[in-house]
C-alpha cells in the first residue's frame, strides 16, 4: 500500500486553495497537515480537516510533512526552503523568480544534497518542460519564451508604467529581455520565465517577451527552442484562475500532478 503523502502548503491564496480542493475531489493519496501563513485569521474556517496553522518557517519541523509546497510569494521561498530542506523535507517551488539569484539556488541545492531531500521545480503554468530539459542535455542554441496575457492581468505590475493597459486596442509587447530580468521585474506574472531558463540554457541566455492583449481571454505561453536535438515549439493557452487572473489554472493542476506522482504506482 502506498504511503500517504503529508503536505504543508506555504500560502493559502488562490493557488493553494485550488490545490487543496483538487486533491480532495480526486481522492488523492495525500493529506494536508499544515498551512503556513502569517496570521491564523487568514485560514480560519477554511483549513482542510486535520491541518494546523504554521506560523513561520521555524514551526515546519514539528508538523511531520514529507513535502512542503510553496504557493505564496518570492519572499517566502528562501526562509521556508531553508527550514524544510534542513529538516529533510522535500520542497517544491512555485515562485521560481526567487531562484534568479544564483547564490540562493546554490544554497538550496546544497541543503537538499546534505540532507538527502529534493528541491523540486514543478512546471507551473507550462507544459513540455520535460522535453526542453531533455533537449538541454545535448545542448541548446537558443530559447525564447513569449508570455501573452489579458491586459487586466498585468495591472499592479510595472507594465502600467510602460503602456496604458486600460486603453489598449491591440496587443502590445511591453518588455523584451532575459529571463532573469523578466522574473525579477514581474515576479507574479513571469515565474515561468525562470522555470523555462532552469530547464534550458539559463537565466541570462533565455529571451523573454511579455505581451498585454486586450482581446485575450486566456494566458498564452509560446516557447521556441533550437539545438542539437532539433527544434521544439510549445504553445499553451491556459485559463486564468477565477480568483486570480495573474495565475493560470495549469499552475494548480501541475502541483496536483506532482503530488499525486509521489505516491502513484504509475508515474506520468
C-alpha atoms as a PDB file:
ATOM      1  CA  UNK A   1       0.000   0.000   0.000  1.00  0.00           C
ATOM      2  CA  UNK A   2       1.331   3.442  -0.931  1.00  0.00           C
ATOM      3  CA  UNK A   3       2.436   5.774   1.816  1.00  0.00           C
ATOM      4  CA  UNK A   4       0.158   8.768   2.310  1.00  0.00           C
ATOM      5  CA  UNK A   5       1.984  11.972   1.364  1.00  0.00           C
ATOM      6  CA  UNK A   6       1.916  14.589   4.134  1.00  0.00           C
ATOM      7  CA  UNK A   7       1.789  18.088   2.662  1.00  0.00           C
ATOM      8  CA  UNK A   8       2.375  21.524   4.112  1.00  0.00           C
ATOM      9  CA  UNK A   9       1.212  24.358   1.880  1.00  0.00           C
ATOM     10  CA  UNK A  10       3.031  27.661   2.184  1.00  0.00           C
ATOM     11  CA  UNK A  11       0.376  30.226   1.277  1.00  0.00           C
ATOM     12  CA  UNK A  12      -3.397  29.948   1.288  1.00  0.00           C
ATOM     13  CA  UNK A  13      -4.299  32.092  -1.684  1.00  0.00           C
ATOM     14  CA  UNK A  14      -5.929  31.171  -4.973  1.00  0.00           C
ATOM     15  CA  UNK A  15      -3.385  28.509  -5.941  1.00  0.00           C
ATOM     16  CA  UNK A  16      -3.071  26.868  -2.522  1.00  0.00           C
ATOM     17  CA  UNK A  17      -6.825  26.628  -2.038  1.00  0.00           C
ATOM     18  CA  UNK A  18      -7.307  25.274  -5.561  1.00  0.00           C
ATOM     19  CA  UNK A  19      -4.669  22.596  -4.985  1.00  0.00           C
ATOM     20  CA  UNK A  20      -6.311  21.542  -1.728  1.00  0.00           C
ATOM     21  CA  UNK A  21      -9.752  21.376  -3.352  1.00  0.00           C
ATOM     22  CA  UNK A  22      -8.495  19.306  -6.296  1.00  0.00           C
ATOM     23  CA  UNK A  23      -6.620  16.850  -4.078  1.00  0.00           C
ATOM     24  CA  UNK A  24      -9.772  16.318  -2.007  1.00  0.00           C
ATOM     25  CA  UNK A  25     -12.043  15.993  -5.051  1.00  0.00           C
ATOM     26  CA  UNK A  26      -9.730  13.466  -6.684  1.00  0.00           C
ATOM     27  CA  UNK A  27      -9.290  11.382  -3.544  1.00  0.00           C
ATOM     28  CA  UNK A  28      -5.526  11.759  -3.793  1.00  0.00           C
ATOM     29  CA  UNK A  29      -3.302   9.674  -1.549  1.00  0.00           C
ATOM     30  CA  UNK A  30      -2.174  12.819   0.252  1.00  0.00           C
ATOM     31  CA  UNK A  31      -3.251  14.796   3.272  1.00  0.00           C
ATOM     32  CA  UNK A  32      -2.591  18.412   4.078  1.00  0.00           C
ATOM     33  CA  UNK A  33      -1.104  18.588   7.564  1.00  0.00           C
ATOM     34  CA  UNK A  34      -0.267  22.292   7.664  1.00  0.00           C
ATOM     35  CA  UNK A  35      -0.971  25.682   6.125  1.00  0.00           C
ATOM     36  CA  UNK A  36       1.748  28.280   6.550  1.00  0.00           C
ATOM     37  CA  UNK A  37       0.525  31.884   6.652  1.00  0.00           C
ATOM     38  CA  UNK A  38       1.498  34.778   8.908  1.00  0.00           C
ATOM     39  CA  UNK A  39      -1.896  35.333  10.506  1.00  0.00           C
ATOM     40  CA  UNK A  40      -4.052  32.439  11.703  1.00  0.00           C
ATOM     41  CA  UNK A  41      -7.136  34.513  10.859  1.00  0.00           C
ATOM     42  CA  UNK A  42      -6.319  34.045   7.155  1.00  0.00           C
ATOM     43  CA  UNK A  43      -7.165  30.354   7.407  1.00  0.00           C
ATOM     44  CA  UNK A  44      -9.975  30.387   9.963  1.00  0.00           C
ATOM     45  CA  UNK A  45     -12.862  28.249   8.773  1.00  0.00           C
ATOM     46  CA  UNK A  46     -11.174  27.240   5.507  1.00  0.00           C
ATOM     47  CA  UNK A  47      -8.320  24.918   6.503  1.00  0.00           C
ATOM     48  CA  UNK A  48      -8.600  21.259   5.460  1.00  0.00           C
ATOM     49  CA  UNK A  49      -9.640  18.902   8.222  1.00  0.00           C
ATOM     50  CA  UNK A  50      -6.682  17.835  10.332  1.00  0.00           C
ATOM     51  CA  UNK A  51      -4.387  20.629   9.152  1.00  0.00           C
ATOM     52  CA  UNK A  52      -2.733  23.041  11.571  1.00  0.00           C
ATOM     53  CA  UNK A  53      -1.698  26.649  11.215  1.00  0.00           C
ATOM     54  CA  UNK A  54       2.065  27.036  10.700  1.00  0.00           C
ATOM     55  CA  UNK A  55       3.076  30.477  11.910  1.00  0.00           C
ATOM     56  CA  UNK A  56       6.509  30.564  10.302  1.00  0.00           C
ATOM     57  CA  UNK A  57       9.481  28.579   8.973  1.00  0.00           C
ATOM     58  CA  UNK A  58      10.639  27.719  12.479  1.00  0.00           C
ATOM     59  CA  UNK A  59       7.430  25.718  13.055  1.00  0.00           C
ATOM     60  CA  UNK A  60       7.841  23.467   9.991  1.00  0.00           C
ATOM     61  CA  UNK A  61       9.990  20.758  11.551  1.00  0.00           C
ATOM     62  CA  UNK A  62       7.340  19.862  14.140  1.00  0.00           C
ATOM     63  CA  UNK A  63       4.471  19.065  11.766  1.00  0.00           C
ATOM     64  CA  UNK A  64       5.891  15.943  10.137  1.00  0.00           C
ATOM     65  CA  UNK A  65       5.367  16.873   6.487  1.00  0.00           C
ATOM     66  CA  UNK A  66       7.142  14.902   3.780  1.00  0.00           C
ATOM     67  CA  UNK A  67       6.662  17.661   1.211  1.00  0.00           C
ATOM     68  CA  UNK A  68       6.397  21.429   1.592  1.00  0.00           C
ATOM     69  CA  UNK A  69       4.756  23.215  -1.350  1.00  0.00           C
ATOM     70  CA  UNK A  70       5.310  26.955  -1.728  1.00  0.00           C
ATOM     71  CA  UNK A  71       2.430  28.797  -3.378  1.00  0.00           C
ATOM     72  CA  UNK A  72       2.821  32.185  -1.750  1.00  0.00           C
ATOM     73  CA  UNK A  73       5.436  34.676  -2.913  1.00  0.00           C
ATOM     74  CA  UNK A  74       9.012  35.131  -3.959  1.00  0.00           C
ATOM     75  CA  UNK A  75       9.873  36.420  -0.489  1.00  0.00           C
ATOM     76  CA  UNK A  76       8.643  33.247   1.207  1.00  0.00           C
ATOM     77  CA  UNK A  77      10.814  30.854  -0.789  1.00  0.00           C
ATOM     78  CA  UNK A  78      14.198  31.240   0.881  1.00  0.00           C
ATOM     79  CA  UNK A  79      13.164  31.111   4.576  1.00  0.00           C
ATOM     80  CA  UNK A  80      10.716  28.233   4.127  1.00  0.00           C
ATOM     81  CA  UNK A  81      13.002  26.304   1.778  1.00  0.00           C
ATOM     82  CA  UNK A  82      15.875  26.604   4.246  1.00  0.00           C
ATOM     83  CA  UNK A  83      13.695  25.316   7.073  1.00  0.00           C
ATOM     84  CA  UNK A  84      12.137  22.473   5.072  1.00  0.00           C
ATOM     85  CA  UNK A  85      15.333  21.210   3.469  1.00  0.00           C
ATOM     86  CA  UNK A  86      17.249  21.480   6.743  1.00  0.00           C
ATOM     87  CA  UNK A  87      14.589  19.228   8.308  1.00  0.00           C
ATOM     88  CA  UNK A  88      14.889  16.691   5.479  1.00  0.00           C
ATOM     89  CA  UNK A  89      11.597  17.629   3.825  1.00  0.00           C
ATOM     90  CA  UNK A  90      11.309  17.946   0.058  1.00  0.00           C
ATOM     91  CA  UNK A  91      10.453  21.486  -1.050  1.00  0.00           C
ATOM     92  CA  UNK A  92       8.520  22.444  -4.204  1.00  0.00           C
ATOM     93  CA  UNK A  93       8.874  25.995  -5.516  1.00  0.00           C
ATOM     94  CA  UNK A  94       6.087  27.811  -7.369  1.00  0.00           C
ATOM     95  CA  UNK A  95       7.611  31.313  -7.122  1.00  0.00           C
ATOM     96  CA  UNK A  96      10.651  30.358  -9.177  1.00  0.00           C
ATOM     97  CA  UNK A  97      11.627  34.002  -9.641  1.00  0.00           C
ATOM     98  CA  UNK A  98      13.287  33.628  -6.213  1.00  0.00           C
ATOM     99  CA  UNK A  99      15.870  31.390  -7.868  1.00  0.00           C
ATOM    100  CA  UNK A 100      17.111  34.118 -10.220  1.00  0.00           C
ATOM    101  CA  UNK A 101      19.802  34.757  -7.606  1.00  0.00           C
ATOM    102  CA  UNK A 102      22.396  32.060  -8.292  1.00  0.00           C
ATOM    103  CA  UNK A 103      23.587  32.182  -4.678  1.00  0.00           C
ATOM    104  CA  UNK A 104      20.091  31.320  -3.440  1.00  0.00           C
ATOM    105  CA  UNK A 105      19.779  28.410  -5.861  1.00  0.00           C
ATOM    106  CA  UNK A 106      23.226  27.072  -4.953  1.00  0.00           C
ATOM    107  CA  UNK A 107      22.467  27.301  -1.230  1.00  0.00           C
ATOM    108  CA  UNK A 108      19.189  25.415  -1.527  1.00  0.00           C
ATOM    109  CA  UNK A 109      20.600  22.705  -3.773  1.00  0.00           C
ATOM    110  CA  UNK A 110      23.436  22.286  -1.282  1.00  0.00           C
ATOM    111  CA  UNK A 111      20.988  21.938   1.603  1.00  0.00           C
ATOM    112  CA  UNK A 112      18.977  19.337  -0.304  1.00  0.00           C
ATOM    113  CA  UNK A 113      22.131  17.362  -1.080  1.00  0.00           C
ATOM    114  CA  UNK A 114      23.380  17.386   2.514  1.00  0.00           C
ATOM    115  CA  UNK A 115      20.011  16.400   3.982  1.00  0.00           C
ATOM    116  CA  UNK A 116      19.088  13.761   1.383  1.00  0.00           C
ATOM    117  CA  UNK A 117      15.974  15.535   0.140  1.00  0.00           C
ATOM    118  CA  UNK A 118      14.933  17.387  -3.005  1.00  0.00           C
ATOM    119  CA  UNK A 119      14.355  20.914  -4.259  1.00  0.00           C
ATOM    120  CA  UNK A 120      11.546  20.449  -6.784  1.00  0.00           C
ATOM    121  CA  UNK A 121      10.655  22.815  -9.634  1.00  0.00           C
ATOM    122  CA  UNK A 122       7.152  21.962 -10.936  1.00  0.00           C
ATOM    123  CA  UNK A 123       6.267  23.164 -14.467  1.00  0.00           C
ATOM    124  CA  UNK A 124       3.870  25.784 -13.107  1.00  0.00           C
ATOM    125  CA  UNK A 125       1.722  27.168 -15.908  1.00  0.00           C
ATOM    126  CA  UNK A 126       3.806  25.386 -18.545  1.00  0.00           C
ATOM    127  CA  UNK A 127       3.878  22.096 -20.393  1.00  0.00           C
ATOM    128  CA  UNK A 128       6.716  20.494 -22.307  1.00  0.00           C
ATOM    129  CA  UNK A 129       9.331  21.351 -19.686  1.00  0.00           C
ATOM    130  CA  UNK A 130      10.344  17.685 -19.650  1.00  0.00           C
ATOM    131  CA  UNK A 131      11.143  17.870 -23.375  1.00  0.00           C
ATOM    132  CA  UNK A 132      13.034  21.156 -23.012  1.00  0.00           C
ATOM    133  CA  UNK A 133      15.066  19.773 -20.116  1.00  0.00           C
ATOM    134  CA  UNK A 134      15.812  16.586 -22.064  1.00  0.00           C
ATOM    135  CA  UNK A 135      16.902  18.588 -25.131  1.00  0.00           C
ATOM    136  CA  UNK A 136      19.244  20.701 -22.996  1.00  0.00           C
ATOM    137  CA  UNK A 137      21.272  17.592 -22.169  1.00  0.00           C
ATOM    138  CA  UNK A 138      22.518  17.565 -25.769  1.00  0.00           C
ATOM    139  CA  UNK A 139      22.940  21.338 -25.905  1.00  0.00           C
ATOM    140  CA  UNK A 140      20.656  24.233 -26.855  1.00  0.00           C
ATOM    141  CA  UNK A 141      21.492  27.179 -29.102  1.00  0.00           C
ATOM    142  CA  UNK A 142      18.518  29.380 -28.230  1.00  0.00           C
ATOM    143  CA  UNK A 143      15.321  29.522 -26.178  1.00  0.00           C
ATOM    144  CA  UNK A 144      12.631  32.200 -26.490  1.00  0.00           C
ATOM    145  CA  UNK A 145       9.544  32.423 -24.301  1.00  0.00           C
ATOM    146  CA  UNK A 146       6.647  34.743 -25.165  1.00  0.00           C
ATOM    147  CA  UNK A 147       4.038  35.315 -22.438  1.00  0.00           C
ATOM    148  CA  UNK A 148       0.743  36.883 -23.530  1.00  0.00           C
ATOM    149  CA  UNK A 149      -1.964  37.708 -21.002  1.00  0.00           C
ATOM    150  CA  UNK A 150      -5.158  39.790 -20.963  1.00  0.00           C
ATOM    151  CA  UNK A 151      -4.334  43.433 -20.304  1.00  0.00           C
ATOM    152  CA  UNK A 152      -6.043  43.325 -16.886  1.00  0.00           C
ATOM    153  CA  UNK A 153      -3.717  40.523 -15.758  1.00  0.00           C
ATOM    154  CA  UNK A 154      -0.811  42.998 -15.862  1.00  0.00           C
ATOM    155  CA  UNK A 155      -2.487  45.524 -13.562  1.00  0.00           C
ATOM    156  CA  UNK A 156      -0.458  46.253 -10.463  1.00  0.00           C
ATOM    157  CA  UNK A 157       2.838  45.473 -12.229  1.00  0.00           C
ATOM    158  CA  UNK A 158       5.466  47.676 -13.936  1.00  0.00           C
ATOM    159  CA  UNK A 159       3.546  47.091 -17.186  1.00  0.00           C
ATOM    160  CA  UNK A 160       1.348  50.026 -16.151  1.00  0.00           C
ATOM    161  CA  UNK A 161       4.367  52.305 -16.480  1.00  0.00           C
ATOM    162  CA  UNK A 162       5.196  51.004 -19.959  1.00  0.00           C
ATOM    163  CA  UNK A 163       1.799  51.148 -21.633  1.00  0.00           C
ATOM    164  CA  UNK A 164      -1.762  52.319 -20.964  1.00  0.00           C
ATOM    165  CA  UNK A 165      -3.313  48.968 -20.139  1.00  0.00           C
ATOM    166  CA  UNK A 166      -6.863  50.302 -19.917  1.00  0.00           C
ATOM    167  CA  UNK A 167      -6.701  51.969 -23.323  1.00  0.00           C
ATOM    168  CA  UNK A 168      -5.117  49.233 -25.444  1.00  0.00           C
ATOM    169  CA  UNK A 169      -6.914  48.225 -28.633  1.00  0.00           C
ATOM    170  CA  UNK A 170      -4.280  45.796 -29.912  1.00  0.00           C
ATOM    171  CA  UNK A 171      -1.680  43.523 -28.360  1.00  0.00           C
ATOM    172  CA  UNK A 172       1.454  45.332 -27.181  1.00  0.00           C
ATOM    173  CA  UNK A 173       4.832  43.806 -26.312  1.00  0.00           C
ATOM    174  CA  UNK A 174       5.928  45.986 -23.418  1.00  0.00           C
ATOM    175  CA  UNK A 175       9.001  44.023 -22.344  1.00  0.00           C
ATOM    176  CA  UNK A 176      11.827  42.165 -24.069  1.00  0.00           C
ATOM    177  CA  UNK A 177      14.874  40.923 -22.215  1.00  0.00           C
ATOM    178  CA  UNK A 178      16.400  38.000 -20.346  1.00  0.00           C
ATOM    179  CA  UNK A 179      14.505  35.555 -18.167  1.00  0.00           C
ATOM    180  CA  UNK A 180      16.333  36.977 -15.158  1.00  0.00           C
ATOM    181  CA  UNK A 181      15.091  40.482 -15.938  1.00  0.00           C
ATOM    182  CA  UNK A 182      11.526  39.315 -16.602  1.00  0.00           C
ATOM    183  CA  UNK A 183      11.227  37.192 -13.468  1.00  0.00           C
ATOM    184  CA  UNK A 184      12.710  39.949 -11.314  1.00  0.00           C
ATOM    185  CA  UNK A 185      10.519  42.768 -12.646  1.00  0.00           C
ATOM    186  CA  UNK A 186       7.307  40.688 -12.920  1.00  0.00           C
ATOM    187  CA  UNK A 187       7.529  38.038 -10.180  1.00  0.00           C
ATOM    188  CA  UNK A 188       3.795  37.283 -10.093  1.00  0.00           C
ATOM    189  CA  UNK A 189       3.313  37.041 -13.841  1.00  0.00           C
ATOM    190  CA  UNK A 190       6.623  35.731 -15.129  1.00  0.00           C
ATOM    191  CA  UNK A 191       7.733  32.997 -12.726  1.00  0.00           C
ATOM    192  CA  UNK A 192       7.501  30.679 -15.719  1.00  0.00           C
ATOM    193  CA  UNK A 193      10.377  32.556 -17.359  1.00  0.00           C
ATOM    194  CA  UNK A 194      12.625  31.334 -14.554  1.00  0.00           C
ATOM    195  CA  UNK A 195      11.265  27.795 -14.929  1.00  0.00           C
ATOM    196  CA  UNK A 196      11.995  27.790 -18.668  1.00  0.00           C
ATOM    197  CA  UNK A 197      15.524  29.032 -18.091  1.00  0.00           C
ATOM    198  CA  UNK A 198      16.278  26.450 -15.383  1.00  0.00           C
ATOM    199  CA  UNK A 199      15.161  23.693 -17.753  1.00  0.00           C
ATOM    200  CA  UNK A 200      17.071  25.103 -20.713  1.00  0.00           C
ATOM    201  CA  UNK A 201      20.035  27.459 -21.131  1.00  0.00           C
ATOM    202  CA  UNK A 202      19.966  29.630 -18.049  1.00  0.00           C
ATOM    203  CA  UNK A 203      18.566  32.928 -16.823  1.00  0.00           C
ATOM    204  CA  UNK A 204      20.713  35.228 -18.930  1.00  0.00           C
ATOM    205  CA  UNK A 205      20.551  33.428 -22.296  1.00  0.00           C
ATOM    206  CA  UNK A 206      16.802  32.694 -22.259  1.00  0.00           C
ATOM    207  CA  UNK A 207      14.982  35.504 -24.058  1.00  0.00           C
ATOM    208  CA  UNK A 208      11.539  36.613 -22.873  1.00  0.00           C
ATOM    209  CA  UNK A 209       8.854  38.826 -24.399  1.00  0.00           C
ATOM    210  CA  UNK A 210       5.840  39.963 -22.364  1.00  0.00           C
ATOM    211  CA  UNK A 211       2.641  40.967 -24.140  1.00  0.00           C
ATOM    212  CA  UNK A 212      -0.580  42.631 -22.974  1.00  0.00           C
ATOM    213  CA  UNK A 213      -3.535  41.781 -25.220  1.00  0.00           C
ATOM    214  CA  UNK A 214      -6.914  43.471 -24.590  1.00  0.00           C
ATOM    215  CA  UNK A 215      -8.640  40.819 -26.723  1.00  0.00           C
ATOM    216  CA  UNK A 216      -7.129  37.825 -24.962  1.00  0.00           C
ATOM    217  CA  UNK A 217      -9.246  35.769 -22.576  1.00  0.00           C
ATOM    218  CA  UNK A 218      -6.555  33.237 -21.650  1.00  0.00           C
ATOM    219  CA  UNK A 219      -2.904  33.262 -20.607  1.00  0.00           C
ATOM    220  CA  UNK A 220      -0.736  32.113 -23.505  1.00  0.00           C
ATOM    221  CA  UNK A 221       2.809  30.766 -23.481  1.00  0.00           C
ATOM    222  CA  UNK A 222       4.851  30.179 -26.634  1.00  0.00           C
ATOM    223  CA  UNK A 223       8.280  28.589 -26.269  1.00  0.00           C
ATOM    224  CA  UNK A 224      10.671  28.111 -29.174  1.00  0.00           C
ATOM    225  CA  UNK A 225      13.932  26.230 -28.676  1.00  0.00           C
ATOM    226  CA  UNK A 226      16.610  25.122 -31.114  1.00  0.00           C
ATOM    227  CA  UNK A 227      19.611  22.897 -30.548  1.00  0.00           C
ATOM    228  CA  UNK A 228      21.447  19.723 -31.474  1.00  0.00           C
ATOM    229  CA  UNK A 229      18.261  17.694 -30.815  1.00  0.00           C
ATOM    230  CA  UNK A 230      16.253  19.677 -33.414  1.00  0.00           C
ATOM    231  CA  UNK A 231      13.513  22.279 -32.899  1.00  0.00           C
ATOM    232  CA  UNK A 232      10.879  22.457 -30.178  1.00  0.00           C
ATOM    233  CA  UNK A 233       7.770  24.632 -30.265  1.00  0.00           C
ATOM    234  CA  UNK A 234       5.268  24.726 -27.426  1.00  0.00           C
ATOM    235  CA  UNK A 235       2.062  26.765 -27.335  1.00  0.00           C
ATOM    236  CA  UNK A 236      -0.317  26.703 -24.389  1.00  0.00           C
ATOM    237  CA  UNK A 237      -3.467  28.720 -23.825  1.00  0.00           C
ATOM    238  CA  UNK A 238      -4.341  28.468 -20.154  1.00  0.00           C
ATOM    239  CA  UNK A 239      -7.476  29.631 -18.444  1.00  0.00           C
ATOM    240  CA  UNK A 240      -6.634  32.023 -15.622  1.00  0.00           C
ATOM    241  CA  UNK A 241      -7.741  31.112 -12.120  1.00  0.00           C
ATOM    242  CA  UNK A 242     -11.144  32.653 -11.500  1.00  0.00           C
ATOM    243  CA  UNK A 243      -9.886  34.143  -8.233  1.00  0.00           C
ATOM    244  CA  UNK A 244      -6.562  35.435  -9.582  1.00  0.00           C
ATOM    245  CA  UNK A 245      -6.110  36.422 -13.259  1.00  0.00           C
ATOM    246  CA  UNK A 246      -2.329  36.662 -12.789  1.00  0.00           C
ATOM    247  CA  UNK A 247      -2.141  32.866 -12.343  1.00  0.00           C
ATOM    248  CA  UNK A 248      -3.215  30.005 -14.588  1.00  0.00           C
ATOM    249  CA  UNK A 249      -5.364  27.012 -13.714  1.00  0.00           C
ATOM    250  CA  UNK A 250      -2.488  24.905 -15.041  1.00  0.00           C
ATOM    251  CA  UNK A 251      -0.258  26.064 -12.167  1.00  0.00           C
ATOM    252  CA  UNK A 252      -2.519  24.362  -9.636  1.00  0.00           C
ATOM    253  CA  UNK A 253      -3.002  21.324 -11.869  1.00  0.00           C
ATOM    254  CA  UNK A 254       0.740  20.783 -12.224  1.00  0.00           C
ATOM    255  CA  UNK A 255       1.146  20.920  -8.439  1.00  0.00           C
ATOM    256  CA  UNK A 256      -1.602  18.318  -8.043  1.00  0.00           C
ATOM    257  CA  UNK A 257       0.058  16.104 -10.662  1.00  0.00           C
ATOM    258  CA  UNK A 258       3.404  16.398  -8.887  1.00  0.00           C
ATOM    259  CA  UNK A 259       1.877  15.493  -5.513  1.00  0.00           C
ATOM    260  CA  UNK A 260      -0.061  12.527  -6.921  1.00  0.00           C
ATOM    261  CA  UNK A 261       3.004  11.206  -8.756  1.00  0.00           C
ATOM    262  CA  UNK A 262       4.872  10.881  -5.470  1.00  0.00           C
ATOM    263  CA  UNK A 263       2.575   8.069  -4.304  1.00  0.00           C
ATOM    264  CA  UNK A 264       1.029   6.713  -7.517  1.00  0.00           C
ATOM    265  CA  UNK A 265       2.294   3.340  -8.796  1.00  0.00           C
ATOM    266  CA  UNK A 266       2.088   4.691 -12.376  1.00  0.00           C
ATOM    267  CA  UNK A 267       4.036   7.933 -12.846  1.00  0.00           C
ATOM    268  CA  UNK A 268       3.447  10.174 -15.868  1.00  0.00           C
END
